[in-house]
Structure formats: structure tokens, C-alpha cells
Amino acid sequence: MMNHVDHAEIKMGQILTMIISATALTLQNQIPLIILGGIFLLSGTVRVISPFSLLYRWVIHPLGIIKSDYRLDNIQPHKFGQLVGVITVMLALGLMHFGFTFAGWSIVVVLILLTATSYAGWCVGCFMYYQLNRLGLGGFFKHEPTDKTVIIGARPRKNNTHS
């Protein structure tokens, strides 16, 4: 369902994802990754109780720290991106658990880089979602991009009126 999605909330989640991931990497501590994986799972399945969403709606936005940035968009590709994040974190943790520590932490570096790319305006999870939509998958993958003037996976332009 096409709606107006607050991209400021999404960007705040991206900032926190990079901070949590970089903290885990710097400290070589898996606990922040486990927490991040749980946040991704909630964000991808029950977004209304996602800690990132709650923090944005109850603290960050009311205090005026970040201004809303509503754009005509589908939330489903962003939720799918969060589920891709769960898989990425699980892959990193699994590699670490089985003794492939360097490979696991390398996946965390990739997560940070892809999150930074998403923050800049292009989301790999959204791109994957829309590619699955192009393959004709229905159900969750039924939504097409709302702004066909940008490359697939890119953030819709502000005040987008395209369908």
C-alpha cells in the first residue's frame, strides 16, 4: 500500500544501525549484533514496536532533533530491507560461532557500508524487493516503486507525485 513514509525515521534507524554495528566491530563484541538482529526482526515484522521506531516517535521527533521527511513510498521494501539485515547479522554471528571470526566481522563491515549507502539514498534491500516484484511474485512483493524517475532502490524524490 502506497503511503507517505517518514524517511527521517528510516534515516535515524540507519544511523543507529551504523553506530551499533561499528561499536560491535570496534569492541569485537557480538552482543550489540544480537540486539541489532532483534531490532531488525521487529522492524521487519512488527514495525510499530520496533525500538528504532519507538525511539523516533516518542523521543527524537517530539524533541525536534530530526524533522519529518515524508515521501510517497511503500513501507514494504523497507521492512524487507530490515529482514535482509536480520539475515546479514545471523550470517555474521554464525560465521563467528563456527570459528570464522574474520569472515564474520567482514560481514559486519559490509553491513556498515551498505547501511551508509542506504543512508545516502540507495537501499540494497529495497532494490532486492523491487527485483522480486519484477519477477512477478505476489503477496508481500506486490508493490512497485512509487517514483519511476529514480533508479530502482533509490529514495523517492520529495513531493513525489508519480505512480
C-alpha atoms as a PDB file:
ATOM      1  CA  MET A   1       0.000   0.000   0.000  1.00  0.00           C
ATOM      2  CA  MET A   2       1.442   3.296  -1.117  1.00  0.00           C
ATOM      3  CA  ASN A   3       1.588   5.795   1.709  1.00  0.00           C
ATOM      4  CA  HIS A   4       3.581   8.682   2.928  1.00  0.00           C
ATOM      5  CA  VAL A   5       6.593   7.202   4.692  1.00  0.00           C
ATOM      6  CA  ASP A   6       8.709   9.292   7.049  1.00  0.00           C
ATOM      7  CA  HIS A   7      12.211   8.848   5.675  1.00  0.00           C
ATOM      8  CA  ALA A   8      13.622  10.734   8.664  1.00  0.00           C
ATOM      9  CA  GLU A   9      12.611   7.756  10.817  1.00  0.00           C
ATOM     10  CA  ILE A  10      14.302   5.400   8.367  1.00  0.00           C
ATOM     11  CA  LYS A  11      17.466   7.529   8.305  1.00  0.00           C
ATOM     12  CA  MET A  12      17.578   7.630  12.105  1.00  0.00           C
ATOM     13  CA  GLY A  13      17.410   3.822  12.119  1.00  0.00           C
ATOM     14  CA  GLN A  14      20.249   3.736   9.605  1.00  0.00           C
ATOM     15  CA  ILE A  15      22.378   5.998  11.802  1.00  0.00           C
ATOM     16  CA  LEU A  16      21.720   3.793  14.838  1.00  0.00           C
ATOM     17  CA  THR A  17      22.459   0.667  12.793  1.00  0.00           C
ATOM     18  CA  MET A  18      25.853   2.067  11.806  1.00  0.00           C
ATOM     19  CA  ILE A  19      26.606   3.111  15.386  1.00  0.00           C
ATOM     20  CA  ILE A  20      25.622  -0.264  16.867  1.00  0.00           C
ATOM     21  CA  SER A  21      27.483  -2.195  14.164  1.00  0.00           C
ATOM     22  CA  ALA A  22      30.612  -0.047  14.469  1.00  0.00           C
ATOM     23  CA  THR A  23      30.510  -0.399  18.257  1.00  0.00           C
ATOM     24  CA  ALA A  24      30.307  -4.195  17.964  1.00  0.00           C
ATOM     25  CA  LEU A  25      33.153  -4.194  15.446  1.00  0.00           C
ATOM     26  CA  THR A  26      35.359  -1.858  17.484  1.00  0.00           C
ATOM     27  CA  LEU A  27      34.822  -3.794  20.711  1.00  0.00           C
ATOM     28  CA  GLN A  28      34.810  -7.160  18.898  1.00  0.00           C
ATOM     29  CA  ASN A  29      31.669  -7.892  20.907  1.00  0.00           C
ATOM     30  CA  GLN A  30      28.779  -9.889  19.452  1.00  0.00           C
ATOM     31  CA  ILE A  31      26.135  -8.725  21.953  1.00  0.00           C
ATOM     32  CA  PRO A  32      25.353  -5.457  20.106  1.00  0.00           C
ATOM     33  CA  LEU A  33      24.879  -7.534  16.939  1.00  0.00           C
ATOM     34  CA  ILE A  34      22.433  -9.842  18.699  1.00  0.00           C
ATOM     35  CA  ILE A  35      20.473  -6.794  19.865  1.00  0.00           C
ATOM     36  CA  LEU A  36      20.614  -5.271  16.372  1.00  0.00           C
ATOM     37  CA  GLY A  37      19.343  -8.520  14.861  1.00  0.00           C
ATOM     38  CA  GLY A  38      16.371  -8.421  17.247  1.00  0.00           C
ATOM     39  CA  ILE A  39      15.655  -4.813  16.321  1.00  0.00           C
ATOM     40  CA  PHE A  40      15.829  -5.702  12.616  1.00  0.00           C
ATOM     41  CA  LEU A  41      13.430  -8.600  13.190  1.00  0.00           C
ATOM     42  CA  LEU A  42      10.898  -6.360  14.932  1.00  0.00           C
ATOM     43  CA  SER A  43      11.325  -3.609  12.323  1.00  0.00           C
ATOM     44  CA  GLY A  44      10.713  -6.068   9.525  1.00  0.00           C
ATOM     45  CA  THR A  45       7.738  -7.836  11.065  1.00  0.00           C
ATOM     46  CA  VAL A  46       6.038  -5.616  13.678  1.00  0.00           C
ATOM     47  CA  ARG A  47       7.369  -2.154  12.853  1.00  0.00           C
ATOM     48  CA  VAL A  48       5.102  -0.355  15.331  1.00  0.00           C
ATOM     49  CA  ILE A  49       7.002  -1.908  18.249  1.00  0.00           C
ATOM     50  CA  SER A  50      10.462  -1.621  16.730  1.00  0.00           C
ATOM     51  CA  PRO A  51      12.797   0.089  19.221  1.00  0.00           C
ATOM     52  CA  PHE A  52      14.069   2.369  16.422  1.00  0.00           C
ATOM     53  CA  SER A  53      10.515   3.431  15.510  1.00  0.00           C
ATOM     54  CA  LEU A  54       9.519   3.943  19.145  1.00  0.00           C
ATOM     55  CA  LEU A  55      12.639   5.999  19.859  1.00  0.00           C
ATOM     56  CA  TYR A  56      11.936   8.174  16.823  1.00  0.00           C
ATOM     57  CA  ARG A  57       8.221   8.639  17.538  1.00  0.00           C
ATOM     58  CA  TRP A  58       8.460   9.134  21.302  1.00  0.00           C
ATOM     59  CA  VAL A  59      11.780  10.973  21.723  1.00  0.00           C
ATOM     60  CA  ILE A  60      13.644  12.137  18.626  1.00  0.00           C
ATOM     61  CA  HIS A  61      10.742  13.624  16.666  1.00  0.00           C
ATOM     62  CA  PRO A  62       8.897  15.237  19.605  1.00  0.00           C
ATOM     63  CA  LEU A  63      12.127  16.926  20.723  1.00  0.00           C
ATOM     64  CA  GLY A  64      12.625  18.271  17.203  1.00  0.00           C
ATOM     65  CA  ILE A  65      16.039  16.622  16.864  1.00  0.00           C
ATOM     66  CA  ILE A  66      15.122  15.401  13.376  1.00  0.00           C
ATOM     67  CA  LYS A  67      12.370  16.910  11.218  1.00  0.00           C
ATOM     68  CA  SER A  68       9.944  14.642   9.378  1.00  0.00           C
ATOM     69  CA  ASP A  69      10.678  13.839   5.748  1.00  0.00           C
ATOM     70  CA  TYR A  70       7.503  12.275   4.375  1.00  0.00           C
ATOM     71  CA  ARG A  71       7.656  10.866   0.856  1.00  0.00           C
ATOM     72  CA  LEU A  72       5.175   8.913  -1.229  1.00  0.00           C
ATOM     73  CA  ASP A  73       6.565   5.416  -0.792  1.00  0.00           C
ATOM     74  CA  ASN A  74       5.815   1.809   0.111  1.00  0.00           C
ATOM     75  CA  ILE A  75       6.901   0.677   3.576  1.00  0.00           C
ATOM     76  CA  GLN A  76       7.187  -2.984   2.487  1.00  0.00           C
ATOM     77  CA  PRO A  77      10.587  -2.636   0.723  1.00  0.00           C
ATOM     78  CA  HIS A  78      11.986  -1.005   3.861  1.00  0.00           C
ATOM     79  CA  LYS A  79      10.589  -3.790   6.030  1.00  0.00           C
ATOM     80  CA  PHE A  80      12.113  -6.311   3.614  1.00  0.00           C
ATOM     81  CA  GLY A  81      15.424  -4.466   3.970  1.00  0.00           C
ATOM     82  CA  GLN A  82      15.226  -4.975   7.722  1.00  0.00           C
ATOM     83  CA  LEU A  83      14.704  -8.695   7.166  1.00  0.00           C
ATOM     84  CA  VAL A  84      17.762  -8.715   4.893  1.00  0.00           C
ATOM     85  CA  GLY A  85      19.546  -7.097   7.853  1.00  0.00           C
ATOM     86  CA  VAL A  86      18.434  -9.976  10.118  1.00  0.00           C
ATOM     87  CA  ILE A  87      19.889 -12.487   7.674  1.00  0.00           C
ATOM     88  CA  THR A  88      23.108 -10.490   7.404  1.00  0.00           C
ATOM     89  CA  VAL A  89      23.541 -10.322  11.187  1.00  0.00           C
ATOM     90  CA  MET A  90      22.710 -14.022  11.554  1.00  0.00           C
ATOM     91  CA  LEU A  91      25.264 -14.873   8.866  1.00  0.00           C
ATOM     92  CA  ALA A  92      27.937 -12.803  10.632  1.00  0.00           C
ATOM     93  CA  LEU A  93      27.154 -14.340  14.024  1.00  0.00           C
ATOM     94  CA  GLY A  94      27.034 -17.845  12.553  1.00  0.00           C
ATOM     95  CA  LEU A  95      30.422 -17.422  10.932  1.00  0.00           C
ATOM     96  CA  MET A  96      31.876 -16.161  14.205  1.00  0.00           C
ATOM     97  CA  HIS A  97      30.289 -19.022  16.148  1.00  0.00           C
ATOM     98  CA  PHE A  98      31.881 -21.604  13.865  1.00  0.00           C
ATOM     99  CA  GLY A  99      35.336 -20.042  14.138  1.00  0.00           C
ATOM    100  CA  PHE A 100      35.359 -17.915  11.005  1.00  0.00           C
ATOM    101  CA  THR A 101      35.840 -14.733  13.018  1.00  0.00           C
ATOM    102  CA  PHE A 102      37.465 -12.655  10.294  1.00  0.00           C
ATOM    103  CA  ALA A 103      34.721 -13.548   7.806  1.00  0.00           C
ATOM    104  CA  GLY A 104      32.033 -12.741  10.382  1.00  0.00           C
ATOM    105  CA  TRP A 105      33.462  -9.330  11.178  1.00  0.00           C
ATOM    106  CA  SER A 106      33.938  -8.713   7.453  1.00  0.00           C
ATOM    107  CA  ILE A 107      30.189  -9.208   7.021  1.00  0.00           C
ATOM    108  CA  VAL A 108      29.665  -6.563   9.732  1.00  0.00           C
ATOM    109  CA  VAL A 109      31.867  -4.178   7.730  1.00  0.00           C
ATOM    110  CA  VAL A 110      29.729  -4.893   4.652  1.00  0.00           C
ATOM    111  CA  LEU A 111      26.599  -4.207   6.743  1.00  0.00           C
ATOM    112  CA  ILE A 112      28.011  -0.834   7.796  1.00  0.00           C
ATOM    113  CA  LEU A 113      28.924   0.051   4.197  1.00  0.00           C
ATOM    114  CA  LEU A 114      25.523  -0.978   2.817  1.00  0.00           C
ATOM    115  CA  THR A 115      23.764   0.951   5.580  1.00  0.00           C
ATOM    116  CA  ALA A 116      25.850   4.028   4.726  1.00  0.00           C
ATOM    117  CA  THR A 117      24.876   3.572   1.071  1.00  0.00           C
ATOM    118  CA  SER A 118      21.237   3.345   2.111  1.00  0.00           C
ATOM    119  CA  TYR A 119      21.595   6.475   4.232  1.00  0.00           C
ATOM    120  CA  ALA A 120      22.964   8.230   1.142  1.00  0.00           C
ATOM    121  CA  GLY A 121      19.838   7.278  -0.802  1.00  0.00           C
ATOM    122  CA  TRP A 122      20.088   3.785  -2.331  1.00  0.00           C
ATOM    123  CA  CYS A 123      18.882   0.729  -0.391  1.00  0.00           C
ATOM    124  CA  VAL A 124      20.016  -2.769  -1.368  1.00  0.00           C
ATOM    125  CA  GLY A 125      17.017  -4.320   0.440  1.00  0.00           C
ATOM    126  CA  CYS A 126      14.601  -2.066  -1.454  1.00  0.00           C
ATOM    127  CA  PHE A 127      16.399  -2.902  -4.707  1.00  0.00           C
ATOM    128  CA  MET A 128      16.065  -6.632  -3.972  1.00  0.00           C
ATOM    129  CA  TYR A 129      12.370  -6.189  -3.076  1.00  0.00           C
ATOM    130  CA  TYR A 130      11.588  -4.431  -6.356  1.00  0.00           C
ATOM    131  CA  GLN A 131      13.571  -7.013  -8.355  1.00  0.00           C
ATOM    132  CA  LEU A 132      11.464  -9.751  -6.741  1.00  0.00           C
ATOM    133  CA  ASN A 133       8.378  -7.714  -7.644  1.00  0.00           C
ATOM    134  CA  ARG A 134       9.569  -7.598 -11.277  1.00  0.00           C
ATOM    135  CA  LEU A 135       9.758 -11.407 -11.265  1.00  0.00           C
ATOM    136  CA  GLY A 136       6.006 -11.392 -10.671  1.00  0.00           C
ATOM    137  CA  LEU A 137       5.982 -12.534  -7.070  1.00  0.00           C
ATOM    138  CA  GLY A 138       2.722 -11.563  -5.432  1.00  0.00           C
ATOM    139  CA  GLY A 139       1.802 -11.203  -1.800  1.00  0.00           C
ATOM    140  CA  PHE A 140       4.378  -9.217   0.131  1.00  0.00           C
ATOM    141  CA  PHE A 141       6.227  -8.356  -3.108  1.00  0.00           C
ATOM    142  CA  LYS A 142       3.211  -6.844  -4.901  1.00  0.00           C
ATOM    143  CA  HIS A 143       4.305  -3.193  -4.681  1.00  0.00           C
ATOM    144  CA  GLU A 144       6.044  -1.326  -7.486  1.00  0.00           C
ATOM    145  CA  PRO A 145       8.310   1.698  -6.972  1.00  0.00           C
ATOM    146  CA  THR A 146       6.370   4.907  -6.332  1.00  0.00           C
ATOM    147  CA  ASP A 147       8.865   7.132  -8.144  1.00  0.00           C
ATOM    148  CA  LYS A 148       9.822   5.732 -11.512  1.00  0.00           C
ATOM    149  CA  THR A 149      12.106   8.696 -12.195  1.00  0.00           C
ATOM    150  CA  VAL A 150      14.794   7.357  -9.839  1.00  0.00           C
ATOM    151  CA  ILE A 151      16.820   4.154 -10.142  1.00  0.00           C
ATOM    152  CA  ILE A 152      15.292   1.093  -8.510  1.00  0.00           C
ATOM    153  CA  GLY A 153      16.098   1.043  -4.809  1.00  0.00           C
ATOM    154  CA  ALA A 154      16.705   4.798  -4.609  1.00  0.00           C
ATOM    155  CA  ARG A 155      14.883   7.030  -2.179  1.00  0.00           C
ATOM    156  CA  PRO A 156      11.808   8.598  -3.832  1.00  0.00           C
ATOM    157  CA  ARG A 157      12.106  12.286  -4.526  1.00  0.00           C
ATOM    158  CA  LYS A 158      10.476  14.651  -2.054  1.00  0.00           C
ATOM    159  CA  ASN A 159       6.939  15.639  -3.092  1.00  0.00           C
ATOM    160  CA  ASN A 160       6.842  12.688  -5.482  1.00  0.00           C
ATOM    161  CA  THR A 161       3.570  12.596  -7.407  1.00  0.00           C
ATOM    162  CA  HIS A 162       4.475   9.757  -9.777  1.00  0.00           C
ATOM    163  CA  SER A 163       2.805   6.365  -9.586  1.00  0.00           C
END
